[in-house]
Amino acid sequence: MIARRPLLGLLAAPAIAHAQGGASANWPQRGITLIVPYPPGGSTDNVSRPIQQPLSALLGQNVVLENRGGAGGSIGAAAVAQARPDGYTLLVFPTAILTISPHLMRLPYDPARDFTPVAMLGISDAVVAMHPSVPVRTIQDLVAYAKAHPGRLRFSSAGNGTITQMIGEIFASSVGIRLEHVPYRGSAPAHTALLAGEVELQFDPVATPSVKDGRVIGLATAGATRSPELPDLPTLRELGMYGPGGLSFFGLAGPAGLPPEIVARLAAALEQVLALPEVARAMAPVGLRPAFETGEAFARRIAQDRAIFGEAVRRTGARVE
């Protein structure tokens, strides 16, 4: 499962930089940019913002978030892949960037070779959210309605090749229904479309607050376990309505060739940041939970999920619209 090493203490991480030696021993000496490859307000953004200030304090340099959306996240990811591997330009990525996108679209980078995975930041409890105008109140109702009205239901996603597309595609394939995929430029505009009734469904943790306040109907969640924020909703997995698929996670990566001492310093700092109660509190309302994993375990997870989602793409016939 998700590994967690003992915390190093808030004063320990700065010492790591000086203990490693080499050209990167004094990193960081200036501000660090975390590129979020989607617009503000989406799940990747919601993972990034709670860690921004604590990470700045721990590293002793300003950490800046830059939202650079478009093309299913590949524009922002390409900017990091092409950056110097000096630790000053990093990518906050959702599962899809390194595991799903390569199976669905031609990319300006190689997900397996052009990045250095640093650490997992969190996992999501994606919620299956329905517009209240549709006479559906349970996931079983949804399946029955979709079979009775083929092609009637549309679901929004954060863009082509995202996990929010694949959850919908895998679910539909698993229960034998057809849903029309409508991609947007991020989770926030995709959710705005759901609230406005432009689409009927969304598979995304960003819908959690709207489910809680009754603006949309929650039918299920797509996490490995029930969401602490929506404990009454069953998971698709416990209902047998979701085929094989990887964990929906968020991580931090740098360009290929990022020095090991910088990776170690970042991972040590992130482990401490993700253990802060205020970080968990900030993520929880939008269906996210801090989770830390680094090193070979994290790299192996990415490689395994790339294979899992590749098979899911072939099985479901998912495609870029």
C-alpha atoms as a PDB file:
ATOM      1  CA  MET A   1       0.000   0.000   0.000  1.00  0.00           C
ATOM      2  CA  ILE A   2       1.157   3.604   0.496  1.00  0.00           C
ATOM      3  CA  ALA A   3       4.474   3.640   2.296  1.00  0.00           C
ATOM      4  CA  ARG A   4       5.317   6.231   4.952  1.00  0.00           C
ATOM      5  CA  ARG A   5       8.754   6.578   6.512  1.00  0.00           C
ATOM      6  CA  PRO A   6       9.138   8.072  10.013  1.00  0.00           C
ATOM      7  CA  LEU A   7       8.921  11.854  10.008  1.00  0.00           C
ATOM      8  CA  LEU A   8      12.273  13.600   9.970  1.00  0.00           C
ATOM      9  CA  GLY A   9      11.302  16.630  12.071  1.00  0.00           C
ATOM     10  CA  LEU A  10      10.898  20.162  10.777  1.00  0.00           C
ATOM     11  CA  LEU A  11      14.529  21.010  11.424  1.00  0.00           C
ATOM     12  CA  ALA A  12      15.970  17.928   9.761  1.00  0.00           C
ATOM     13  CA  ALA A  13      15.109  18.564   6.122  1.00  0.00           C
ATOM     14  CA  PRO A  14      17.326  21.673   5.648  1.00  0.00           C
ATOM     15  CA  ALA A  15      20.316  19.661   6.788  1.00  0.00           C
ATOM     16  CA  ILE A  16      19.820  17.147   3.986  1.00  0.00           C
ATOM     17  CA  ALA A  17      20.885  19.611   1.346  1.00  0.00           C
ATOM     18  CA  HIS A  18      24.263  20.184   2.944  1.00  0.00           C
ATOM     19  CA  ALA A  19      24.900  16.528   3.622  1.00  0.00           C
ATOM     20  CA  GLN A  20      24.617  15.374   0.028  1.00  0.00           C
ATOM     21  CA  GLY A  21      27.509  17.248  -1.577  1.00  0.00           C
ATOM     22  CA  GLY A  22      27.863  18.034  -5.274  1.00  0.00           C
ATOM     23  CA  ALA A  23      26.490  20.891  -7.352  1.00  0.00           C
ATOM     24  CA  SER A  24      22.979  20.522  -5.936  1.00  0.00           C
ATOM     25  CA  ALA A  25      24.044  20.540  -2.287  1.00  0.00           C
ATOM     26  CA  ASN A  26      22.816  24.085  -1.651  1.00  0.00           C
ATOM     27  CA  TRP A  27      19.501  23.737  -3.458  1.00  0.00           C
ATOM     28  CA  PRO A  28      17.230  25.707  -3.342  1.00  0.00           C
ATOM     29  CA  GLN A  29      18.818  29.130  -3.718  1.00  0.00           C
ATOM     30  CA  ARG A  30      15.858  30.841  -5.418  1.00  0.00           C
ATOM     31  CA  GLY A  31      12.121  30.473  -5.942  1.00  0.00           C
ATOM     32  CA  ILE A  32      10.569  27.220  -7.132  1.00  0.00           C
ATOM     33  CA  THR A  33       7.706  26.971  -9.640  1.00  0.00           C
ATOM     34  CA  LEU A  34       5.162  24.190  -9.364  1.00  0.00           C
ATOM     35  CA  ILE A  35       3.335  23.902 -12.668  1.00  0.00           C
ATOM     36  CA  VAL A  36      -0.284  22.774 -12.294  1.00  0.00           C
ATOM     37  CA  PRO A  37      -1.339  21.616 -15.785  1.00  0.00           C
ATOM     38  CA  TYR A  38      -5.015  22.546 -15.326  1.00  0.00           C
ATOM     39  CA  PRO A  39      -6.982  25.733 -14.545  1.00  0.00           C
ATOM     40  CA  PRO A  40      -7.511  26.909 -10.938  1.00  0.00           C
ATOM     41  CA  GLY A  41     -10.224  25.205  -8.908  1.00  0.00           C
ATOM     42  CA  GLY A  42      -9.704  21.632 -10.083  1.00  0.00           C
ATOM     43  CA  SER A  43      -8.465  18.659  -8.078  1.00  0.00           C
ATOM     44  CA  THR A  44      -4.795  19.055  -9.049  1.00  0.00           C
ATOM     45  CA  ASP A  45      -4.981  22.689  -7.995  1.00  0.00           C
ATOM     46  CA  ASN A  46      -6.715  21.675  -4.749  1.00  0.00           C
ATOM     47  CA  VAL A  47      -3.854  19.309  -3.919  1.00  0.00           C
ATOM     48  CA  SER A  48      -1.234  21.950  -4.692  1.00  0.00           C
ATOM     49  CA  ARG A  49      -2.490  24.968  -2.777  1.00  0.00           C
ATOM     50  CA  PRO A  50      -2.503  23.458   0.745  1.00  0.00           C
ATOM     51  CA  ILE A  51       1.142  22.410   0.425  1.00  0.00           C
ATOM     52  CA  GLN A  52       2.412  25.667  -1.130  1.00  0.00           C
ATOM     53  CA  GLN A  53       3.075  27.740   1.984  1.00  0.00           C
ATOM     54  CA  PRO A  54       4.305  24.926   4.287  1.00  0.00           C
ATOM     55  CA  LEU A  55       6.717  23.786   1.568  1.00  0.00           C
ATOM     56  CA  SER A  56       7.964  27.352   1.090  1.00  0.00           C
ATOM     57  CA  ALA A  57       8.632  27.631   4.823  1.00  0.00           C
ATOM     58  CA  LEU A  58      10.412  24.302   5.017  1.00  0.00           C
ATOM     59  CA  LEU A  59      12.630  24.873   1.977  1.00  0.00           C
ATOM     60  CA  GLY A  60      13.360  28.503   2.803  1.00  0.00           C
ATOM     61  CA  GLN A  61      12.375  29.729  -0.676  1.00  0.00           C
ATOM     62  CA  ASN A  62       9.168  30.965  -2.239  1.00  0.00           C
ATOM     63  CA  VAL A  63       7.139  28.226  -3.925  1.00  0.00           C
ATOM     64  CA  VAL A  64       4.918  29.612  -6.696  1.00  0.00           C
ATOM     65  CA  LEU A  65       2.018  27.818  -8.385  1.00  0.00           C
ATOM     66  CA  GLU A  66       1.554  28.359 -12.110  1.00  0.00           C
ATOM     67  CA  ASN A  67      -1.656  27.077 -13.694  1.00  0.00           C
ATOM     68  CA  ARG A  68      -0.909  26.138 -17.288  1.00  0.00           C
ATOM     69  CA  GLY A  69      -3.875  24.186 -18.643  1.00  0.00           C
ATOM     70  CA  GLY A  70      -4.845  22.764 -22.006  1.00  0.00           C
ATOM     71  CA  ALA A  71      -4.654  19.577 -24.085  1.00  0.00           C
ATOM     72  CA  GLY A  72      -5.576  17.276 -21.202  1.00  0.00           C
ATOM     73  CA  GLY A  73      -2.725  18.606 -19.087  1.00  0.00           C
ATOM     74  CA  SER A  74      -0.044  17.913 -21.689  1.00  0.00           C
ATOM     75  CA  ILE A  75       0.853  21.589 -22.247  1.00  0.00           C
ATOM     76  CA  GLY A  76       1.923  22.111 -18.649  1.00  0.00           C
ATOM     77  CA  ALA A  77       3.570  18.692 -18.503  1.00  0.00           C
ATOM     78  CA  ALA A  78       5.574  19.417 -21.658  1.00  0.00           C
ATOM     79  CA  ALA A  79       6.877  22.647 -20.105  1.00  0.00           C
ATOM     80  CA  VAL A  80       8.350  20.656 -17.220  1.00  0.00           C
ATOM     81  CA  ALA A  81       9.684  17.882 -19.452  1.00  0.00           C
ATOM     82  CA  GLN A  82      11.596  20.531 -21.412  1.00  0.00           C
ATOM     83  CA  ALA A  83      12.854  22.466 -18.366  1.00  0.00           C
ATOM     84  CA  ARG A  84      16.367  22.268 -16.925  1.00  0.00           C
ATOM     85  CA  PRO A  85      16.624  19.495 -14.303  1.00  0.00           C
ATOM     86  CA  ASP A  86      17.728  21.901 -11.589  1.00  0.00           C
ATOM     87  CA  GLY A  87      14.785  21.568  -9.201  1.00  0.00           C
ATOM     88  CA  TYR A  88      13.278  24.989  -9.906  1.00  0.00           C
ATOM     89  CA  THR A  89      10.524  23.874 -12.320  1.00  0.00           C
ATOM     90  CA  LEU A  90       8.394  20.963 -11.115  1.00  0.00           C
ATOM     91  CA  LEU A  91       5.099  19.344 -12.105  1.00  0.00           C
ATOM     92  CA  VAL A  92       2.125  18.581  -9.899  1.00  0.00           C
ATOM     93  CA  PHE A  93       0.400  15.835 -11.847  1.00  0.00           C
ATOM     94  CA  PRO A  94      -2.711  13.691 -11.560  1.00  0.00           C
ATOM     95  CA  THR A  95      -2.668   9.986 -12.388  1.00  0.00           C
ATOM     96  CA  ALA A  96      -3.520  10.561 -16.026  1.00  0.00           C
ATOM     97  CA  ILE A  97      -0.514  12.626 -17.093  1.00  0.00           C
ATOM     98  CA  LEU A  98       1.955   9.756 -16.796  1.00  0.00           C
ATOM     99  CA  THR A  99      -0.358   6.747 -17.028  1.00  0.00           C
ATOM    100  CA  ILE A 100      -3.427   7.383 -19.230  1.00  0.00           C
ATOM    101  CA  SER A 101      -2.564  10.143 -21.709  1.00  0.00           C
ATOM    102  CA  PRO A 102       0.110   8.116 -23.542  1.00  0.00           C
ATOM    103  CA  HIS A 103      -2.551   5.560 -24.513  1.00  0.00           C
ATOM    104  CA  LEU A 104      -4.987   8.144 -25.857  1.00  0.00           C
ATOM    105  CA  MET A 105      -3.042  10.878 -27.603  1.00  0.00           C
ATOM    106  CA  ARG A 106       0.216  11.836 -29.234  1.00  0.00           C
ATOM    107  CA  LEU A 107       2.292  13.679 -26.641  1.00  0.00           C
ATOM    108  CA  PRO A 108       5.242  16.080 -26.963  1.00  0.00           C
ATOM    109  CA  TYR A 109       7.111  14.054 -24.341  1.00  0.00           C
ATOM    110  CA  ASP A 110       7.666  10.455 -23.257  1.00  0.00           C
ATOM    111  CA  PRO A 111       5.944   9.886 -19.879  1.00  0.00           C
ATOM    112  CA  ALA A 112       8.245   6.969 -19.087  1.00  0.00           C
ATOM    113  CA  ARG A 113      11.536   8.738 -19.858  1.00  0.00           C
ATOM    114  CA  ASP A 114      11.122  12.509 -19.637  1.00  0.00           C
ATOM    115  CA  PHE A 115      10.260  12.879 -15.943  1.00  0.00           C
ATOM    116  CA  THR A 116      11.771  12.100 -12.547  1.00  0.00           C
ATOM    117  CA  PRO A 117       9.035  11.006 -10.095  1.00  0.00           C
ATOM    118  CA  VAL A 118       9.556  12.620  -6.687  1.00  0.00           C
ATOM    119  CA  ALA A 119       6.641  11.703  -4.428  1.00  0.00           C
ATOM    120  CA  MET A 120       2.942  11.033  -4.168  1.00  0.00           C
ATOM    121  CA  LEU A 121       1.008  13.958  -2.691  1.00  0.00           C
ATOM    122  CA  GLY A 122      -2.513  12.648  -2.286  1.00  0.00           C
ATOM    123  CA  ILE A 123      -5.320  10.400  -3.429  1.00  0.00           C
ATOM    124  CA  SER A 124      -8.849  11.282  -4.479  1.00  0.00           C
ATOM    125  CA  ASP A 125     -12.299  10.057  -3.617  1.00  0.00           C
ATOM    126  CA  ALA A 126     -13.945  10.816  -6.949  1.00  0.00           C
ATOM    127  CA  VAL A 127     -17.711  11.123  -6.617  1.00  0.00           C
ATOM    128  CA  VAL A 128     -20.270  10.107  -9.213  1.00  0.00           C
ATOM    129  CA  ALA A 129     -22.433  13.241  -9.278  1.00  0.00           C
ATOM    130  CA  MET A 130     -25.744  13.600 -11.100  1.00  0.00           C
ATOM    131  CA  HIS A 131     -27.667  16.745 -12.049  1.00  0.00           C
ATOM    132  CA  PRO A 132     -30.922  16.774 -10.037  1.00  0.00           C
ATOM    133  CA  SER A 133     -33.054  17.230 -13.163  1.00  0.00           C
ATOM    134  CA  VAL A 134     -32.468  13.561 -14.039  1.00  0.00           C
ATOM    135  CA  PRO A 135     -34.856  11.177 -12.197  1.00  0.00           C
ATOM    136  CA  VAL A 136     -31.989   9.149 -10.756  1.00  0.00           C
ATOM    137  CA  ARG A 137     -31.121   8.852  -7.064  1.00  0.00           C
ATOM    138  CA  THR A 138     -28.968   5.711  -6.831  1.00  0.00           C
ATOM    139  CA  ILE A 139     -26.252   4.182  -8.953  1.00  0.00           C
ATOM    140  CA  GLN A 140     -28.638   1.335  -9.794  1.00  0.00           C
ATOM    141  CA  ASP A 141     -31.168   3.925 -11.006  1.00  0.00           C
ATOM    142  CA  LEU A 142     -28.453   5.416 -13.198  1.00  0.00           C
ATOM    143  CA  VAL A 143     -27.729   2.102 -14.888  1.00  0.00           C
ATOM    144  CA  ALA A 144     -31.429   1.429 -15.486  1.00  0.00           C
ATOM    145  CA  TYR A 145     -32.026   4.938 -16.826  1.00  0.00           C
ATOM    146  CA  ALA A 146     -29.041   4.783 -19.174  1.00  0.00           C
ATOM    147  CA  LYS A 147     -30.197   1.449 -20.582  1.00  0.00           C
ATOM    148  CA  ALA A 148     -33.697   2.815 -21.116  1.00  0.00           C
ATOM    149  CA  HIS A 149     -32.399   6.042 -22.694  1.00  0.00           C
ATOM    150  CA  PRO A 150     -29.280   5.095 -24.687  1.00  0.00           C
ATOM    151  CA  GLY A 151     -27.140   8.093 -25.589  1.00  0.00           C
ATOM    152  CA  ARG A 152     -29.169  10.441 -23.364  1.00  0.00           C
ATOM    153  CA  LEU A 153     -26.599  10.914 -20.590  1.00  0.00           C
ATOM    154  CA  ARG A 154     -23.483  13.051 -20.987  1.00  0.00           C
ATOM    155  CA  PHE A 155     -20.616  13.270 -18.515  1.00  0.00           C
ATOM    156  CA  SER A 156     -18.100  16.064 -18.192  1.00  0.00           C
ATOM    157  CA  SER A 157     -14.413  15.537 -17.577  1.00  0.00           C
ATOM    158  CA  ALA A 158     -11.336  17.630 -16.887  1.00  0.00           C
ATOM    159  CA  GLY A 159     -10.193  16.935 -20.444  1.00  0.00           C
ATOM    160  CA  ASN A 160      -9.259  14.221 -22.879  1.00  0.00           C
ATOM    161  CA  GLY A 161      -7.025  11.574 -21.376  1.00  0.00           C
ATOM    162  CA  THR A 162      -7.749  12.495 -17.760  1.00  0.00           C
ATOM    163  CA  ILE A 163      -8.661  10.139 -14.925  1.00  0.00           C
ATOM    164  CA  THR A 164     -12.063  11.854 -14.806  1.00  0.00           C
ATOM    165  CA  GLN A 165     -12.685  10.622 -18.340  1.00  0.00           C
ATOM    166  CA  MET A 166     -11.380   7.120 -17.650  1.00  0.00           C
ATOM    167  CA  ILE A 167     -13.476   6.597 -14.506  1.00  0.00           C
ATOM    168  CA  GLY A 168     -16.592   7.337 -16.548  1.00  0.00           C
ATOM    169  CA  GLU A 169     -15.465   5.129 -19.434  1.00  0.00           C
ATOM    170  CA  ILE A 170     -14.516   2.206 -17.173  1.00  0.00           C
ATOM    171  CA  PHE A 171     -17.770   2.475 -15.222  1.00  0.00           C
ATOM    172  CA  ALA A 172     -19.892   2.547 -18.393  1.00  0.00           C
ATOM    173  CA  SER A 173     -18.031  -0.426 -19.849  1.00  0.00           C
ATOM    174  CA  SER A 174     -18.346  -2.392 -16.598  1.00  0.00           C
ATOM    175  CA  VAL A 175     -22.159  -2.054 -16.435  1.00  0.00           C
ATOM    176  CA  GLY A 176     -22.882  -2.172 -20.163  1.00  0.00           C
ATOM    177  CA  ILE A 177     -24.201   1.334 -20.750  1.00  0.00           C
ATOM    178  CA  ARG A 178     -23.274   4.155 -23.112  1.00  0.00           C
ATOM    179  CA  LEU A 179     -22.356   7.613 -21.828  1.00  0.00           C
ATOM    180  CA  GLU A 180     -21.320  10.542 -24.003  1.00  0.00           C
ATOM    181  CA  HIS A 181     -18.020  12.081 -22.926  1.00  0.00           C
ATOM    182  CA  VAL A 182     -17.778  15.895 -22.989  1.00  0.00           C
ATOM    183  CA  PRO A 183     -14.241  17.164 -22.231  1.00  0.00           C
ATOM    184  CA  TYR A 184     -13.553  20.551 -20.628  1.00  0.00           C
ATOM    185  CA  ARG A 185     -10.354  22.441 -19.805  1.00  0.00           C
ATOM    186  CA  GLY A 186     -10.154  21.254 -16.199  1.00  0.00           C
ATOM    187  CA  SER A 187     -12.320  19.943 -13.372  1.00  0.00           C
ATOM    188  CA  ALA A 188     -13.657  23.348 -12.344  1.00  0.00           C
ATOM    189  CA  PRO A 189     -15.230  24.220 -15.722  1.00  0.00           C
ATOM    190  CA  ALA A 190     -16.430  20.613 -16.021  1.00  0.00           C
ATOM    191  CA  HIS A 191     -18.226  21.010 -12.699  1.00  0.00           C
ATOM    192  CA  THR A 192     -19.671  24.373 -13.720  1.00  0.00           C
ATOM    193  CA  ALA A 193     -21.141  22.570 -16.739  1.00  0.00           C
ATOM    194  CA  LEU A 194     -22.753  19.980 -14.449  1.00  0.00           C
ATOM    195  CA  LEU A 195     -24.235  22.656 -12.192  1.00  0.00           C
ATOM    196  CA  ALA A 196     -25.626  24.471 -15.241  1.00  0.00           C
ATOM    197  CA  GLY A 197     -27.197  21.291 -16.631  1.00  0.00           C
ATOM    198  CA  GLU A 198     -25.019  21.273 -19.749  1.00  0.00           C
ATOM    199  CA  VAL A 199     -24.167  17.669 -18.826  1.00  0.00           C
ATOM    200  CA  GLU A 200     -25.873  15.177 -16.524  1.00  0.00           C
ATOM    201  CA  LEU A 201     -22.922  13.454 -14.857  1.00  0.00           C
ATOM    202  CA  GLN A 202     -19.420  13.999 -13.519  1.00  0.00           C
ATOM    203  CA  PHE A 203     -16.889  11.556 -12.025  1.00  0.00           C
ATOM    204  CA  ASP A 204     -14.641  13.867 -10.014  1.00  0.00           C
ATOM    205  CA  PRO A 205     -13.792  14.709  -6.384  1.00  0.00           C
ATOM    206  CA  VAL A 206     -14.364  18.387  -7.181  1.00  0.00           C
ATOM    207  CA  ALA A 207     -18.112  17.666  -7.015  1.00  0.00           C
ATOM    208  CA  THR A 208     -17.937  16.720  -3.313  1.00  0.00           C
ATOM    209  CA  PRO A 209     -18.963  20.133  -1.887  1.00  0.00           C
ATOM    210  CA  SER A 210     -21.911  20.360  -4.274  1.00  0.00           C
ATOM    211  CA  VAL A 211     -23.088  16.892  -3.220  1.00  0.00           C
ATOM    212  CA  LYS A 212     -22.851  17.886   0.443  1.00  0.00           C
ATOM    213  CA  ASP A 213     -24.871  21.070  -0.029  1.00  0.00           C
ATOM    214  CA  GLY A 214     -27.482  19.377  -2.231  1.00  0.00           C
ATOM    215  CA  ARG A 215     -26.832  21.151  -5.528  1.00  0.00           C
ATOM    216  CA  VAL A 216     -26.134  17.812  -7.232  1.00  0.00           C
ATOM    217  CA  ILE A 217     -26.946  14.209  -6.326  1.00  0.00           C
ATOM    218  CA  GLY A 218     -24.161  11.898  -5.145  1.00  0.00           C
ATOM    219  CA  LEU A 219     -24.596   8.316  -6.359  1.00  0.00           C
ATOM    220  CA  ALA A 220     -21.307   6.586  -5.469  1.00  0.00           C
ATOM    221  CA  THR A 221     -17.604   7.195  -5.120  1.00  0.00           C
ATOM    222  CA  ALA A 222     -14.758   5.732  -7.150  1.00  0.00           C
ATOM    223  CA  GLY A 223     -12.070   5.394  -4.503  1.00  0.00           C
ATOM    224  CA  ALA A 224     -10.624   2.192  -3.093  1.00  0.00           C
ATOM    225  CA  THR A 225     -12.610   2.786   0.133  1.00  0.00           C
ATOM    226  CA  ARG A 226     -15.578   4.951   1.100  1.00  0.00           C
ATOM    227  CA  SER A 227     -14.974   8.683   1.243  1.00  0.00           C
ATOM    228  CA  PRO A 228     -14.729  10.151   4.769  1.00  0.00           C
ATOM    229  CA  GLU A 229     -16.604  13.181   3.427  1.00  0.00           C
ATOM    230  CA  LEU A 230     -19.432  11.093   1.917  1.00  0.00           C
ATOM    231  CA  PRO A 231     -19.464   7.910   4.027  1.00  0.00           C
ATOM    232  CA  ASP A 232     -23.042   6.975   3.094  1.00  0.00           C
ATOM    233  CA  LEU A 233     -22.196   6.593  -0.583  1.00  0.00           C
ATOM    234  CA  PRO A 234     -21.062   3.125  -1.696  1.00  0.00           C
ATOM    235  CA  THR A 235     -17.979   2.738  -3.840  1.00  0.00           C
ATOM    236  CA  LEU A 236     -18.253   1.491  -7.404  1.00  0.00           C
ATOM    237  CA  ARG A 237     -15.835  -1.278  -6.463  1.00  0.00           C
ATOM    238  CA  GLU A 238     -17.946  -2.611  -3.599  1.00  0.00           C
ATOM    239  CA  LEU A 239     -20.938  -2.666  -5.956  1.00  0.00           C
ATOM    240  CA  GLY A 240     -18.959  -4.577  -8.579  1.00  0.00           C
ATOM    241  CA  MET A 241     -19.435  -1.710 -11.029  1.00  0.00           C
ATOM    242  CA  TYR A 242     -15.837  -0.802 -11.747  1.00  0.00           C
ATOM    243  CA  GLY A 243     -13.325  -2.888 -13.626  1.00  0.00           C
ATOM    244  CA  PRO A 244      -9.599  -3.112 -12.943  1.00  0.00           C
ATOM    245  CA  GLY A 245      -8.048   0.320 -12.592  1.00  0.00           C
ATOM    246  CA  GLY A 246      -5.243   2.075 -10.800  1.00  0.00           C
ATOM    247  CA  LEU A 247      -5.484   4.368  -7.809  1.00  0.00           C
ATOM    248  CA  SER A 248      -6.447   7.966  -8.573  1.00  0.00           C
ATOM    249  CA  PHE A 249      -3.474   9.832  -7.130  1.00  0.00           C
ATOM    250  CA  PHE A 250      -1.570  13.095  -7.452  1.00  0.00           C
ATOM    251  CA  GLY A 251       2.186  13.416  -7.426  1.00  0.00           C
ATOM    252  CA  LEU A 252       5.187  15.666  -7.896  1.00  0.00           C
ATOM    253  CA  ALA A 253       7.760  15.154 -10.633  1.00  0.00           C
ATOM    254  CA  GLY A 254      10.676  16.998 -12.163  1.00  0.00           C
ATOM    255  CA  PRO A 255      12.362  16.772 -15.550  1.00  0.00           C
ATOM    256  CA  ALA A 256      14.414  13.685 -16.366  1.00  0.00           C
ATOM    257  CA  GLY A 257      17.837  13.865 -14.782  1.00  0.00           C
ATOM    258  CA  LEU A 258      16.733  15.650 -11.612  1.00  0.00           C
ATOM    259  CA  PRO A 259      19.678  15.069  -9.204  1.00  0.00           C
ATOM    260  CA  PRO A 260      19.055  12.444  -6.500  1.00  0.00           C
ATOM    261  CA  GLU A 261      19.981  14.891  -3.734  1.00  0.00           C
ATOM    262  CA  ILE A 262      17.241  17.281  -4.859  1.00  0.00           C
ATOM    263  CA  VAL A 263      14.747  14.415  -5.042  1.00  0.00           C
ATOM    264  CA  ALA A 264      15.718  13.389  -1.514  1.00  0.00           C
ATOM    265  CA  ARG A 265      15.401  16.932  -0.166  1.00  0.00           C
ATOM    266  CA  LEU A 266      12.008  17.435  -1.797  1.00  0.00           C
ATOM    267  CA  ALA A 267      10.693  14.065  -0.635  1.00  0.00           C
ATOM    268  CA  ALA A 268      11.808  14.687   2.947  1.00  0.00           C
ATOM    269  CA  ALA A 269      10.114  18.083   2.986  1.00  0.00           C
ATOM    270  CA  LEU A 270       6.925  16.771   1.372  1.00  0.00           C
ATOM    271  CA  GLU A 271       6.633  13.944   3.862  1.00  0.00           C
ATOM    272  CA  GLN A 272       6.537  16.469   6.668  1.00  0.00           C
ATOM    273  CA  VAL A 273       4.180  18.840   4.888  1.00  0.00           C
ATOM    274  CA  LEU A 274       1.688  16.073   4.087  1.00  0.00           C
ATOM    275  CA  ALA A 275       1.634  15.028   7.745  1.00  0.00           C
ATOM    276  CA  LEU A 276       0.393  18.465   8.862  1.00  0.00           C
ATOM    277  CA  PRO A 277      -3.223  18.359  10.101  1.00  0.00           C
ATOM    278  CA  GLU A 278      -4.043  21.643   8.387  1.00  0.00           C
ATOM    279  CA  VAL A 279      -3.083  20.157   5.007  1.00  0.00           C
ATOM    280  CA  ALA A 280      -5.471  17.234   5.511  1.00  0.00           C
ATOM    281  CA  ARG A 281      -8.206  19.623   6.628  1.00  0.00           C
ATOM    282  CA  ALA A 282      -7.779  21.760   3.510  1.00  0.00           C
ATOM    283  CA  MET A 283      -7.956  18.774   1.156  1.00  0.00           C
ATOM    284  CA  ALA A 284     -10.838  16.900   2.785  1.00  0.00           C
ATOM    285  CA  PRO A 285     -13.799  19.087   1.727  1.00  0.00           C
ATOM    286  CA  VAL A 286     -12.973  18.562  -1.961  1.00  0.00           C
ATOM    287  CA  GLY A 287     -12.633  14.779  -1.720  1.00  0.00           C
ATOM    288  CA  LEU A 288      -8.844  14.580  -1.392  1.00  0.00           C
ATOM    289  CA  ARG A 289      -6.537  12.992   1.174  1.00  0.00           C
ATOM    290  CA  PRO A 290      -2.791  13.466   1.697  1.00  0.00           C
ATOM    291  CA  ALA A 291      -0.786  10.337   0.912  1.00  0.00           C
ATOM    292  CA  PHE A 292       2.980  10.002   0.736  1.00  0.00           C
ATOM    293  CA  GLU A 293       5.084   7.573  -1.266  1.00  0.00           C
ATOM    294  CA  THR A 294       8.485   8.033  -2.849  1.00  0.00           C
ATOM    295  CA  GLY A 295      11.462   6.223  -4.329  1.00  0.00           C
ATOM    296  CA  GLU A 296      11.170   2.929  -6.155  1.00  0.00           C
ATOM    297  CA  ALA A 297       7.715   2.231  -4.743  1.00  0.00           C
ATOM    298  CA  PHE A 298       6.304   5.394  -6.314  1.00  0.00           C
ATOM    299  CA  ALA A 299       8.073   4.840  -9.643  1.00  0.00           C
ATOM    300  CA  ARG A 300       6.804   1.246  -9.687  1.00  0.00           C
ATOM    301  CA  ARG A 301       3.227   2.390  -8.984  1.00  0.00           C
ATOM    302  CA  ILE A 302       3.340   4.759 -11.969  1.00  0.00           C
ATOM    303  CA  ALA A 303       4.668   2.029 -14.273  1.00  0.00           C
ATOM    304  CA  GLN A 304       2.063  -0.481 -13.079  1.00  0.00           C
ATOM    305  CA  ASP A 305      -0.800   1.987 -13.453  1.00  0.00           C
ATOM    306  CA  ARG A 306       0.390   2.878 -16.960  1.00  0.00           C
ATOM    307  CA  ALA A 307      -0.041  -0.782 -17.885  1.00  0.00           C
ATOM    308  CA  ILE A 308      -3.404  -1.066 -16.081  1.00  0.00           C
ATOM    309  CA  PHE A 309      -4.868   1.979 -17.783  1.00  0.00           C
ATOM    310  CA  GLY A 310      -3.456   0.946 -21.127  1.00  0.00           C
ATOM    311  CA  GLU A 311      -5.484  -2.251 -20.877  1.00  0.00           C
ATOM    312  CA  ALA A 312      -8.523  -0.255 -19.689  1.00  0.00           C
ATOM    313  CA  VAL A 313      -8.277   2.027 -22.729  1.00  0.00           C
ATOM    314  CA  ARG A 314      -8.191  -0.989 -25.049  1.00  0.00           C
ATOM    315  CA  ARG A 315     -11.044  -2.729 -23.218  1.00  0.00           C
ATOM    316  CA  THR A 316     -13.386   0.260 -23.057  1.00  0.00           C
ATOM    317  CA  GLY A 317     -12.588   1.759 -26.429  1.00  0.00           C
ATOM    318  CA  ALA A 318     -11.969   5.145 -24.782  1.00  0.00           C
ATOM    319  CA  ARG A 319     -10.788   7.778 -27.217  1.00  0.00           C
ATOM    320  CA  VAL A 320      -9.974  11.434 -27.548  1.00  0.00           C
ATOM    321  CA  GLU A 321     -13.074  13.292 -28.721  1.00  0.00           C
END
